[in-house]
Amino acid sequence: CQDIADSLDNGNKIDVIIVDFSKAFDLVPLGRLLTNTANSGVDSR
């Protein structure tokens, strides 16, 4: 709401897209998740 208000105050036009990612975690491939976790600095153990 603050971002929208700031844009309107500045005279900018606004486009809004709302996406529901419910259950998105269920679609993440486990191998990719673990690889990204390992590459993010998380202890290998």
ModelCIF file with pLDDT and N, C-alpha, C, O atoms, coordinates in Angstrom:
data_MODEL
#
_entry.id   MODEL 
#
_entity.id                         1 
_entity.type                       polymer 
_entity.pdbx_number_of_molecules   1 
#
_entity_poly.entity_id                      1 
_entity_poly.type                           'polypeptide(L)' 
_entity_poly.nstd_linkage                   no 
_entity_poly.nstd_monomer                   no 
_entity_poly.pdbx_seq_one_letter_code       CQDIADSLDNGNKIDVIIVDFSKAFDLVPLGRLLTNTANSGVDSR 
_entity_poly.pdbx_seq_one_letter_code_can   CQDIADSLDNGNKIDVIIVDFSKAFDLVPLGRLLTNTANSGVDSR 
_entity_poly.pdbx_strand_id                 A 
#
loop_
_entity_poly_seq.entity_id 
_entity_poly_seq.num 
_entity_poly_seq.mon_id 
_entity_poly_seq.hetero 
1 1  CYS n 
1 2  GLN n 
1 3  ASP n 
1 4  ILE n 
1 5  ALA n 
1 6  ASP n 
1 7  SER n 
1 8  LEU n 
1 9  ASP n 
1 10 ASN n 
1 11 GLY n 
1 12 ASN n 
1 13 LYS n 
1 14 ILE n 
1 15 ASP n 
1 16 VAL n 
1 17 ILE n 
1 18 ILE n 
1 19 VAL n 
1 20 ASP n 
1 21 PHE n 
1 22 SER n 
1 23 LYS n 
1 24 ALA n 
1 25 PHE n 
1 26 ASP n 
1 27 LEU n 
1 28 VAL n 
1 29 PRO n 
1 30 LEU n 
1 31 GLY n 
1 32 ARG n 
1 33 LEU n 
1 34 LEU n 
1 35 THR n 
1 36 ASN n 
1 37 THR n 
1 38 ALA n 
1 39 ASN n 
1 40 SER n 
1 41 GLY n 
1 42 VAL n 
1 43 ASP n 
1 44 SER n 
1 45 ARG n 
#
_struct_asym.id          A 
_struct_asym.entity_id   1 
#
loop_
_ma_qa_metric.id 
_ma_qa_metric.mode 
_ma_qa_metric.name 
_ma_qa_metric.software_group_id 
_ma_qa_metric.type 
1 global pLDDT . pLDDT 
2 local  pLDDT . pLDDT 
#
_ma_qa_metric_global.metric_id      1 
_ma_qa_metric_global.metric_value   87.89 
_ma_qa_metric_global.model_id       1 
_ma_qa_metric_global.ordinal_id     1 
#
loop_
_ma_qa_metric_local.label_asym_id 
_ma_qa_metric_local.label_comp_id 
_ma_qa_metric_local.label_seq_id 
_ma_qa_metric_local.metric_id 
_ma_qa_metric_local.metric_value 
_ma_qa_metric_local.model_id 
_ma_qa_metric_local.ordinal_id 
A CYS 1  2 92.00 1 1  
A GLN 2  2 94.00 1 2  
A ASP 3  2 91.00 1 3  
A ILE 4  2 92.00 1 4  
A ALA 5  2 94.00 1 5  
A ASP 6  2 95.00 1 6  
A SER 7  2 93.00 1 7  
A LEU 8  2 92.00 1 8  
A ASP 9  2 95.00 1 9  
A ASN 10 2 95.00 1 10 
A GLY 11 2 95.00 1 11 
A ASN 12 2 94.00 1 12 
A LYS 13 2 89.00 1 13 
A ILE 14 2 87.00 1 14 
A ASP 15 2 89.00 1 15 
A VAL 16 2 85.00 1 16 
A ILE 17 2 87.00 1 17 
A ILE 18 2 82.00 1 18 
A VAL 19 2 83.00 1 19 
A ASP 20 2 78.00 1 20 
A PHE 21 2 77.00 1 21 
A SER 22 2 75.00 1 22 
A LYS 23 2 75.00 1 23 
A ALA 24 2 77.00 1 24 
A PHE 25 2 75.00 1 25 
A ASP 26 2 78.00 1 26 
A LEU 27 2 84.00 1 27 
A VAL 28 2 85.00 1 28 
A PRO 29 2 89.00 1 29 
A LEU 30 2 87.00 1 30 
A GLY 31 2 90.00 1 31 
A ARG 32 2 92.00 1 32 
A LEU 33 2 88.00 1 33 
A LEU 34 2 91.00 1 34 
A THR 35 2 93.00 1 35 
A ASN 36 2 89.00 1 36 
A THR 37 2 89.00 1 37 
A ALA 38 2 90.00 1 38 
A ASN 39 2 89.00 1 39 
A SER 40 2 85.00 1 40 
A GLY 41 2 85.00 1 41 
A VAL 42 2 91.00 1 42 
A ASP 43 2 93.00 1 43 
A SER 44 2 93.00 1 44 
A ARG 45 2 93.00 1 45 
#
loop_
_atom_site.group_PDB 
_atom_site.id 
_atom_site.type_symbol 
_atom_site.label_atom_id 
_atom_site.label_alt_id 
_atom_site.label_comp_id 
_atom_site.label_asym_id 
_atom_site.label_entity_id 
_atom_site.label_seq_id 
_atom_site.pdbx_PDB_ins_code 
_atom_site.Cartn_x 
_atom_site.Cartn_y 
_atom_site.Cartn_z 
_atom_site.occupancy 
_atom_site.B_iso_or_equiv 
_atom_site.pdbx_formal_charge 
_atom_site.auth_seq_id 
_atom_site.auth_comp_id 
_atom_site.auth_asym_id 
_atom_site.auth_atom_id 
_atom_site.pdbx_PDB_model_num 
ATOM 1   N N  . CYS A 1 1  ? 0.834  -1.214  0.000   1.00 92.00 ? 1  CYS A N  1 
ATOM 2   C CA . CYS A 1 1  ? 0.000  0.000   0.000   1.00 92.00 ? 1  CYS A CA 1 
ATOM 3   C C  . CYS A 1 1  ? 0.859  1.250   0.000   1.00 92.00 ? 1  CYS A C  1 
ATOM 4   O O  . CYS A 1 1  ? 0.524  2.225   -0.673  1.00 92.00 ? 1  CYS A O  1 
ATOM 5   N N  . GLN A 1 2  ? 1.963  1.244   0.743   1.00 94.00 ? 2  GLN A N  1 
ATOM 6   C CA . GLN A 1 2  ? 2.862  2.397   0.770   1.00 94.00 ? 2  GLN A CA 1 
ATOM 7   C C  . GLN A 1 2  ? 3.505  2.623   -0.589  1.00 94.00 ? 2  GLN A C  1 
ATOM 8   O O  . GLN A 1 2  ? 3.623  3.761   -1.042  1.00 94.00 ? 2  GLN A O  1 
ATOM 9   N N  . ASP A 1 3  ? 3.928  1.525   -1.250  1.00 91.00 ? 3  ASP A N  1 
ATOM 10  C CA . ASP A 1 3  ? 4.508  1.641   -2.596  1.00 91.00 ? 3  ASP A CA 1 
ATOM 11  C C  . ASP A 1 3  ? 3.498  2.229   -3.579  1.00 91.00 ? 3  ASP A C  1 
ATOM 12  O O  . ASP A 1 3  ? 3.849  3.073   -4.403  1.00 91.00 ? 3  ASP A O  1 
ATOM 13  N N  . ILE A 1 4  ? 2.262  1.790   -3.493  1.00 92.00 ? 4  ILE A N  1 
ATOM 14  C CA . ILE A 1 4  ? 1.210  2.311   -4.377  1.00 92.00 ? 4  ILE A CA 1 
ATOM 15  C C  . ILE A 1 4  ? 0.965  3.791   -4.090  1.00 92.00 ? 4  ILE A C  1 
ATOM 16  O O  . ILE A 1 4  ? 0.877  4.603   -5.011  1.00 92.00 ? 4  ILE A O  1 
ATOM 17  N N  . ALA A 1 5  ? 0.857  4.133   -2.812  1.00 94.00 ? 5  ALA A N  1 
ATOM 18  C CA . ALA A 1 5  ? 0.623  5.533   -2.435  1.00 94.00 ? 5  ALA A CA 1 
ATOM 19  C C  . ALA A 1 5  ? 1.774  6.420   -2.911  1.00 94.00 ? 5  ALA A C  1 
ATOM 20  O O  . ALA A 1 5  ? 1.541  7.510   -3.434  1.00 94.00 ? 5  ALA A O  1 
ATOM 21  N N  . ASP A 1 6  ? 3.017  5.959   -2.731  1.00 95.00 ? 6  ASP A N  1 
ATOM 22  C CA . ASP A 1 6  ? 4.179  6.738   -3.175  1.00 95.00 ? 6  ASP A CA 1 
ATOM 23  C C  . ASP A 1 6  ? 4.149  6.939   -4.687  1.00 95.00 ? 6  ASP A C  1 
ATOM 24  O O  . ASP A 1 6  ? 4.429  8.035   -5.171  1.00 95.00 ? 6  ASP A O  1 
ATOM 25  N N  . SER A 1 7  ? 3.815  5.903   -5.428  1.00 93.00 ? 7  SER A N  1 
ATOM 26  C CA . SER A 1 7  ? 3.754  6.004   -6.888  1.00 93.00 ? 7  SER A CA 1 
ATOM 27  C C  . SER A 1 7  ? 2.679  6.994   -7.322  1.00 93.00 ? 7  SER A C  1 
ATOM 28  O O  . SER A 1 7  ? 2.905  7.816   -8.211  1.00 93.00 ? 7  SER A O  1 
ATOM 29  N N  . LEU A 1 8  ? 1.512  6.912   -6.695  1.00 92.00 ? 8  LEU A N  1 
ATOM 30  C CA . LEU A 1 8  ? 0.422  7.836   -7.040  1.00 92.00 ? 8  LEU A CA 1 
ATOM 31  C C  . LEU A 1 8  ? 0.796  9.276   -6.688  1.00 92.00 ? 8  LEU A C  1 
ATOM 32  O O  . LEU A 1 8  ? 0.494  10.200  -7.443  1.00 92.00 ? 8  LEU A O  1 
ATOM 33  N N  . ASP A 1 9  ? 1.457  9.466   -5.536  1.00 95.00 ? 9  ASP A N  1 
ATOM 34  C CA . ASP A 1 9  ? 1.897  10.804  -5.140  1.00 95.00 ? 9  ASP A CA 1 
ATOM 35  C C  . ASP A 1 9  ? 2.882  11.390  -6.151  1.00 95.00 ? 9  ASP A C  1 
ATOM 36  O O  . ASP A 1 9  ? 2.917  12.601  -6.369  1.00 95.00 ? 9  ASP A O  1 
ATOM 37  N N  . ASN A 1 10 ? 3.680  10.514  -6.764  1.00 95.00 ? 10 ASN A N  1 
ATOM 38  C CA . ASN A 1 10 ? 4.673  10.963  -7.752  1.00 95.00 ? 10 ASN A CA 1 
ATOM 39  C C  . ASN A 1 10 ? 4.088  11.057  -9.159  1.00 95.00 ? 10 ASN A C  1 
ATOM 40  O O  . ASN A 1 10 ? 4.799  11.393  -10.106 1.00 95.00 ? 10 ASN A O  1 
ATOM 41  N N  . GLY A 1 11 ? 2.798  10.761  -9.297  1.00 95.00 ? 11 GLY A N  1 
ATOM 42  C CA . GLY A 1 11 ? 2.140  10.848  -10.592 1.00 95.00 ? 11 GLY A CA 1 
ATOM 43  C C  . GLY A 1 11 ? 2.449  9.691   -11.517 1.00 95.00 ? 11 GLY A C  1 
ATOM 44  O O  . GLY A 1 11 ? 2.232  9.787   -12.725 1.00 95.00 ? 11 GLY A O  1 
ATOM 45  N N  . ASN A 1 12 ? 2.951  8.605   -10.969 1.00 94.00 ? 12 ASN A N  1 
ATOM 46  C CA . ASN A 1 12 ? 3.266  7.422   -11.779 1.00 94.00 ? 12 ASN A CA 1 
ATOM 47  C C  . ASN A 1 12 ? 2.033  6.558   -11.973 1.00 94.00 ? 12 ASN A C  1 
ATOM 48  O O  . ASN A 1 12 ? 1.138  6.530   -11.129 1.00 94.00 ? 12 ASN A O  1 
ATOM 49  N N  . LYS A 1 13 ? 2.000  5.849   -13.103 1.00 89.00 ? 13 LYS A N  1 
ATOM 50  C CA . LYS A 1 13 ? 0.948  4.866   -13.325 1.00 89.00 ? 13 LYS A CA 1 
ATOM 51  C C  . LYS A 1 13 ? 1.390  3.551   -12.707 1.00 89.00 ? 13 LYS A C  1 
ATOM 52  O O  . LYS A 1 13 ? 2.584  3.282   -12.577 1.00 89.00 ? 13 LYS A O  1 
ATOM 53  N N  . ILE A 1 14 ? 0.415  2.737   -12.327 1.00 87.00 ? 14 ILE A N  1 
ATOM 54  C CA . ILE A 1 14 ? 0.723  1.490   -11.631 1.00 87.00 ? 14 ILE A CA 1 
ATOM 55  C C  . ILE A 1 14 ? 0.023  0.331   -12.302 1.00 87.00 ? 14 ILE A C  1 
ATOM 56  O O  . ILE A 1 14 ? -1.173 0.397   -12.586 1.00 87.00 ? 14 ILE A O  1 
ATOM 57  N N  . ASP A 1 15 ? 0.759  -0.722  -12.552 1.00 89.00 ? 15 ASP A N  1 
ATOM 58  C CA . ASP A 1 15 ? 0.193  -1.996  -12.979 1.00 89.00 ? 15 ASP A CA 1 
ATOM 59  C C  . ASP A 1 15 ? 0.447  -2.984  -11.848 1.00 89.00 ? 15 ASP A C  1 
ATOM 60  O O  . ASP A 1 15 ? 1.544  -3.026  -11.291 1.00 89.00 ? 15 ASP A O  1 
ATOM 61  N N  . VAL A 1 16 ? -0.558 -3.771  -11.511 1.00 85.00 ? 16 VAL A N  1 
ATOM 62  C CA . VAL A 1 16 ? -0.414 -4.729  -10.424 1.00 85.00 ? 16 VAL A CA 1 
ATOM 63  C C  . VAL A 1 16 ? -0.767 -6.117  -10.929 1.00 85.00 ? 16 VAL A C  1 
ATOM 64  O O  . VAL A 1 16 ? -1.795 -6.318  -11.576 1.00 85.00 ? 16 VAL A O  1 
ATOM 65  N N  . ILE A 1 17 ? 0.094  -7.057  -10.627 1.00 87.00 ? 17 ILE A N  1 
ATOM 66  C CA . ILE A 1 17 ? -0.166 -8.463  -10.919 1.00 87.00 ? 17 ILE A CA 1 
ATOM 67  C C  . ILE A 1 17 ? -0.037 -9.212  -9.602  1.00 87.00 ? 17 ILE A C  1 
ATOM 68  O O  . ILE A 1 17 ? 0.986  -9.123  -8.923  1.00 87.00 ? 17 ILE A O  1 
ATOM 69  N N  . ILE A 1 18 ? -1.071 -9.942  -9.251  1.00 82.00 ? 18 ILE A N  1 
ATOM 70  C CA . ILE A 1 18 ? -1.050 -10.722 -8.013  1.00 82.00 ? 18 ILE A CA 1 
ATOM 71  C C  . ILE A 1 18 ? -1.066 -12.196 -8.392  1.00 82.00 ? 18 ILE A C  1 
ATOM 72  O O  . ILE A 1 18 ? -1.937 -12.652 -9.133  1.00 82.00 ? 18 ILE A O  1 
ATOM 73  N N  . VAL A 1 19 ? -0.088 -12.935 -7.871  1.00 83.00 ? 19 VAL A N  1 
ATOM 74  C CA . VAL A 1 19 ? 0.040  -14.361 -8.174  1.00 83.00 ? 19 VAL A CA 1 
ATOM 75  C C  . VAL A 1 19 ? -0.010 -15.124 -6.863  1.00 83.00 ? 19 VAL A C  1 
ATOM 76  O O  . VAL A 1 19 ? 0.668  -14.764 -5.900  1.00 83.00 ? 19 VAL A O  1 
ATOM 77  N N  . ASP A 1 20 ? -0.805 -16.165 -6.828  1.00 78.00 ? 20 ASP A N  1 
ATOM 78  C CA . ASP A 1 20 ? -0.901 -17.013 -5.641  1.00 78.00 ? 20 ASP A CA 1 
ATOM 79  C C  . ASP A 1 20 ? -0.005 -18.223 -5.843  1.00 78.00 ? 20 ASP A C  1 
ATOM 80  O O  . ASP A 1 20 ? -0.264 -19.060 -6.707  1.00 78.00 ? 20 ASP A O  1 
ATOM 81  N N  . PHE A 1 21 ? 1.046  -18.312 -5.045  1.00 77.00 ? 21 PHE A N  1 
ATOM 82  C CA . PHE A 1 21 ? 1.982  -19.420 -5.139  1.00 77.00 ? 21 PHE A CA 1 
ATOM 83  C C  . PHE A 1 21 ? 1.700  -20.471 -4.072  1.00 77.00 ? 21 PHE A C  1 
ATOM 84  O O  . PHE A 1 21 ? 2.632  -21.077 -3.542  1.00 77.00 ? 21 PHE A O  1 
ATOM 85  N N  . SER A 1 22 ? 0.441  -20.695 -3.752  1.00 75.00 ? 22 SER A N  1 
ATOM 86  C CA . SER A 1 22 ? 0.122  -21.679 -2.733  1.00 75.00 ? 22 SER A CA 1 
ATOM 87  C C  . SER A 1 22 ? 0.634  -23.048 -3.165  1.00 75.00 ? 22 SER A C  1 
ATOM 88  O O  . SER A 1 22 ? 0.505  -23.443 -4.324  1.00 75.00 ? 22 SER A O  1 
ATOM 89  N N  . LYS A 1 23 ? 1.204  -23.745 -2.229  1.00 75.00 ? 23 LYS A N  1 
ATOM 90  C CA . LYS A 1 23 ? 1.786  -25.075 -2.425  1.00 75.00 ? 23 LYS A CA 1 
ATOM 91  C C  . LYS A 1 23 ? 2.940  -25.063 -3.418  1.00 75.00 ? 23 LYS A C  1 
ATOM 92  O O  . LYS A 1 23 ? 3.272  -26.102 -3.988  1.00 75.00 ? 23 LYS A O  1 
ATOM 93  N N  . ALA A 1 24 ? 3.554  -23.909 -3.634  1.00 77.00 ? 24 ALA A N  1 
ATOM 94  C CA . ALA A 1 24 ? 4.683  -23.818 -4.564  1.00 77.00 ? 24 ALA A CA 1 
ATOM 95  C C  . ALA A 1 24 ? 5.853  -24.661 -4.077  1.00 77.00 ? 24 ALA A C  1 
ATOM 96  O O  . ALA A 1 24 ? 6.580  -25.235 -4.887  1.00 77.00 ? 24 ALA A O  1 
ATOM 97  N N  . PHE A 1 25 ? 6.043  -24.743 -2.759  1.00 75.00 ? 25 PHE A N  1 
ATOM 98  C CA . PHE A 1 25 ? 7.163  -25.525 -2.220  1.00 75.00 ? 25 PHE A CA 1 
ATOM 99  C C  . PHE A 1 25 ? 7.057  -26.995 -2.618  1.00 75.00 ? 25 PHE A C  1 
ATOM 100 O O  . PHE A 1 25 ? 8.073  -27.669 -2.790  1.00 75.00 ? 25 PHE A O  1 
ATOM 101 N N  . ASP A 1 26 ? 5.836  -27.489 -2.762  1.00 78.00 ? 26 ASP A N  1 
ATOM 102 C CA . ASP A 1 26 ? 5.633  -28.887 -3.148  1.00 78.00 ? 26 ASP A CA 1 
ATOM 103 C C  . ASP A 1 26 ? 6.165  -29.175 -4.551  1.00 78.00 ? 26 ASP A C  1 
ATOM 104 O O  . ASP A 1 26 ? 6.410  -30.332 -4.890  1.00 78.00 ? 26 ASP A O  1 
ATOM 105 N N  . LEU A 1 27 ? 6.347  -28.141 -5.366  1.00 84.00 ? 27 LEU A N  1 
ATOM 106 C CA . LEU A 1 27 ? 6.779  -28.312 -6.743  1.00 84.00 ? 27 LEU A CA 1 
ATOM 107 C C  . LEU A 1 27 ? 8.287  -28.155 -6.926  1.00 84.00 ? 27 LEU A C  1 
ATOM 108 O O  . LEU A 1 27 ? 8.797  -28.371 -8.025  1.00 84.00 ? 27 LEU A O  1 
ATOM 109 N N  . VAL A 1 28 ? 9.006  -27.783 -5.871  1.00 85.00 ? 28 VAL A N  1 
ATOM 110 C CA . VAL A 1 28 ? 10.452 -27.581 -5.972  1.00 85.00 ? 28 VAL A CA 1 
ATOM 111 C C  . VAL A 1 28 ? 11.146 -28.941 -6.018  1.00 85.00 ? 28 VAL A C  1 
ATOM 112 O O  . VAL A 1 28 ? 10.928 -29.770 -5.134  1.00 85.00 ? 28 VAL A O  1 
ATOM 113 N N  . PRO A 1 29 ? 11.984 -29.185 -7.041  1.00 89.00 ? 29 PRO A N  1 
ATOM 114 C CA . PRO A 1 29 ? 12.717 -30.459 -7.102  1.00 89.00 ? 29 PRO A CA 1 
ATOM 115 C C  . PRO A 1 29 ? 13.695 -30.562 -5.919  1.00 89.00 ? 29 PRO A C  1 
ATOM 116 O O  . PRO A 1 29 ? 14.467 -29.637 -5.670  1.00 89.00 ? 29 PRO A O  1 
ATOM 117 N N  . LEU A 1 30 ? 13.659 -31.673 -5.205  1.00 87.00 ? 30 LEU A N  1 
ATOM 118 C CA . LEU A 1 30 ? 14.463 -31.854 -3.998  1.00 87.00 ? 30 LEU A CA 1 
ATOM 119 C C  . LEU A 1 30 ? 15.951 -31.691 -4.285  1.00 87.00 ? 30 LEU A C  1 
ATOM 120 O O  . LEU A 1 30 ? 16.660 -31.043 -3.515  1.00 87.00 ? 30 LEU A O  1 
ATOM 121 N N  . GLY A 1 31 ? 16.434 -32.271 -5.385  1.00 90.00 ? 31 GLY A N  1 
ATOM 122 C CA . GLY A 1 31 ? 17.857 -32.158 -5.709  1.00 90.00 ? 31 GLY A CA 1 
ATOM 123 C C  . GLY A 1 31 ? 18.291 -30.712 -5.867  1.00 90.00 ? 31 GLY A C  1 
ATOM 124 O O  . GLY A 1 31 ? 19.346 -30.322 -5.367  1.00 90.00 ? 31 GLY A O  1 
ATOM 125 N N  . ARG A 1 32 ? 17.489 -29.913 -6.555  1.00 92.00 ? 32 ARG A N  1 
ATOM 126 C CA . ARG A 1 32 ? 17.819 -28.503 -6.767  1.00 92.00 ? 32 ARG A CA 1 
ATOM 127 C C  . ARG A 1 32 ? 17.783 -27.746 -5.447  1.00 92.00 ? 32 ARG A C  1 
ATOM 128 O O  . ARG A 1 32 ? 18.636 -26.896 -5.190  1.00 92.00 ? 32 ARG A O  1 
ATOM 129 N N  . LEU A 1 33 ? 16.796 -28.054 -4.609  1.00 88.00 ? 33 LEU A N  1 
ATOM 130 C CA . LEU A 1 33 ? 16.691 -27.398 -3.308  1.00 88.00 ? 33 LEU A CA 1 
ATOM 131 C C  . LEU A 1 33 ? 17.934 -27.677 -2.466  1.00 88.00 ? 33 LEU A C  1 
ATOM 132 O O  . LEU A 1 33 ? 18.495 -26.765 -1.860  1.00 88.00 ? 33 LEU A O  1 
ATOM 133 N N  . LEU A 1 34 ? 18.360 -28.933 -2.431  1.00 91.00 ? 34 LEU A N  1 
ATOM 134 C CA . LEU A 1 34 ? 19.525 -29.293 -1.629  1.00 91.00 ? 34 LEU A CA 1 
ATOM 135 C C  . LEU A 1 34 ? 20.806 -28.689 -2.198  1.00 91.00 ? 34 LEU A C  1 
ATOM 136 O O  . LEU A 1 34 ? 21.671 -28.254 -1.438  1.00 91.00 ? 34 LEU A O  1 
ATOM 137 N N  . THR A 1 35 ? 20.938 -28.655 -3.524  1.00 93.00 ? 35 THR A N  1 
ATOM 138 C CA . THR A 1 35 ? 22.109 -28.048 -4.159  1.00 93.00 ? 35 THR A CA 1 
ATOM 139 C C  . THR A 1 35 ? 22.171 -26.565 -3.829  1.00 93.00 ? 35 THR A C  1 
ATOM 140 O O  . THR A 1 35 ? 23.225 -26.062 -3.439  1.00 93.00 ? 35 THR A O  1 
ATOM 141 N N  . ASN A 1 36 ? 21.065 -25.866 -3.981  1.00 89.00 ? 36 ASN A N  1 
ATOM 142 C CA . ASN A 1 36 ? 21.042 -24.433 -3.670  1.00 89.00 ? 36 ASN A CA 1 
ATOM 143 C C  . ASN A 1 36 ? 21.304 -24.178 -2.192  1.00 89.00 ? 36 ASN A C  1 
ATOM 144 O O  . ASN A 1 36 ? 21.966 -23.201 -1.837  1.00 89.00 ? 36 ASN A O  1 
ATOM 145 N N  . THR A 1 37 ? 20.790 -25.050 -1.328  1.00 89.00 ? 37 THR A N  1 
ATOM 146 C CA . THR A 1 37 ? 21.033 -24.910 0.109   1.00 89.00 ? 37 THR A CA 1 
ATOM 147 C C  . THR A 1 37 ? 22.511 -25.078 0.403   1.00 89.00 ? 37 THR A C  1 
ATOM 148 O O  . THR A 1 37 ? 23.090 -24.298 1.159   1.00 89.00 ? 37 THR A O  1 
ATOM 149 N N  . ALA A 1 38 ? 23.127 -26.096 -0.192  1.00 90.00 ? 38 ALA A N  1 
ATOM 150 C CA . ALA A 1 38 ? 24.558 -26.338 0.016   1.00 90.00 ? 38 ALA A CA 1 
ATOM 151 C C  . ALA A 1 38 ? 25.391 -25.174 -0.505  1.00 90.00 ? 38 ALA A C  1 
ATOM 152 O O  . ALA A 1 38 ? 26.400 -24.819 0.104   1.00 90.00 ? 38 ALA A O  1 
ATOM 153 N N  . ASN A 1 39 ? 24.986 -24.576 -1.621  1.00 89.00 ? 39 ASN A N  1 
ATOM 154 C CA . ASN A 1 39 ? 25.738 -23.471 -2.225  1.00 89.00 ? 39 ASN A CA 1 
ATOM 155 C C  . ASN A 1 39 ? 25.520 -22.138 -1.521  1.00 89.00 ? 39 ASN A C  1 
ATOM 156 O O  . ASN A 1 39 ? 26.189 -21.154 -1.839  1.00 89.00 ? 39 ASN A O  1 
ATOM 157 N N  . SER A 1 40 ? 24.596 -22.095 -0.574  1.00 85.00 ? 40 SER A N  1 
ATOM 158 C CA . SER A 1 40 ? 24.278 -20.833 0.096   1.00 85.00 ? 40 SER A CA 1 
ATOM 159 C C  . SER A 1 40 ? 25.090 -20.610 1.369   1.00 85.00 ? 40 SER A C  1 
ATOM 160 O O  . SER A 1 40 ? 24.874 -19.631 2.084   1.00 85.00 ? 40 SER A O  1 
ATOM 161 N N  . GLY A 1 41 ? 26.019 -21.516 1.652   1.00 85.00 ? 41 GLY A N  1 
ATOM 162 C CA . GLY A 1 41 ? 26.845 -21.346 2.841   1.00 85.00 ? 41 GLY A CA 1 
ATOM 163 C C  . GLY A 1 41 ? 26.383 -22.143 4.038   1.00 85.00 ? 41 GLY A C  1 
ATOM 164 O O  . GLY A 1 41 ? 26.941 -22.006 5.126   1.00 85.00 ? 41 GLY A O  1 
ATOM 165 N N  . VAL A 1 42 ? 25.373 -22.973 3.856   1.00 91.00 ? 42 VAL A N  1 
ATOM 166 C CA . VAL A 1 42 ? 24.878 -23.814 4.944   1.00 91.00 ? 42 VAL A CA 1 
ATOM 167 C C  . VAL A 1 42 ? 25.875 -24.948 5.180   1.00 91.00 ? 42 VAL A C  1 
ATOM 168 O O  . VAL A 1 42 ? 26.393 -25.538 4.231   1.00 91.00 ? 42 VAL A O  1 
ATOM 169 N N  . ASP A 1 43 ? 26.136 -25.244 6.441   1.00 93.00 ? 43 ASP A N  1 
ATOM 170 C CA . ASP A 1 43 ? 27.045 -26.325 6.811   1.00 93.00 ? 43 ASP A CA 1 
ATOM 171 C C  . ASP A 1 43 ? 26.611 -27.621 6.125   1.00 93.00 ? 43 ASP A C  1 
ATOM 172 O O  . ASP A 1 43 ? 25.425 -27.951 6.116   1.00 93.00 ? 43 ASP A O  1 
ATOM 173 N N  . SER A 1 44 ? 27.563 -28.352 5.552   1.00 93.00 ? 44 SER A N  1 
ATOM 174 C CA . SER A 1 44 ? 27.243 -29.568 4.801   1.00 93.00 ? 44 SER A CA 1 
ATOM 175 C C  . SER A 1 44 ? 26.543 -30.612 5.668   1.00 93.00 ? 44 SER A C  1 
ATOM 176 O O  . SER A 1 44 ? 25.735 -31.390 5.160   1.00 93.00 ? 44 SER A O  1 
ATOM 177 N N  . ARG A 1 45 ? 26.842 -30.641 6.969   1.00 93.00 ? 45 ARG A N  1 
ATOM 178 C CA . ARG A 1 45 ? 26.168 -31.601 7.861   1.00 93.00 ? 45 ARG A CA 1 
ATOM 179 C C  . ARG A 1 45 ? 24.679 -31.293 7.976   1.00 93.00 ? 45 ARG A C  1 
ATOM 180 O O  . ARG A 1 45 ? 23.956 -31.994 8.683   1.00 93.00 ? 45 ARG A O  1 
#
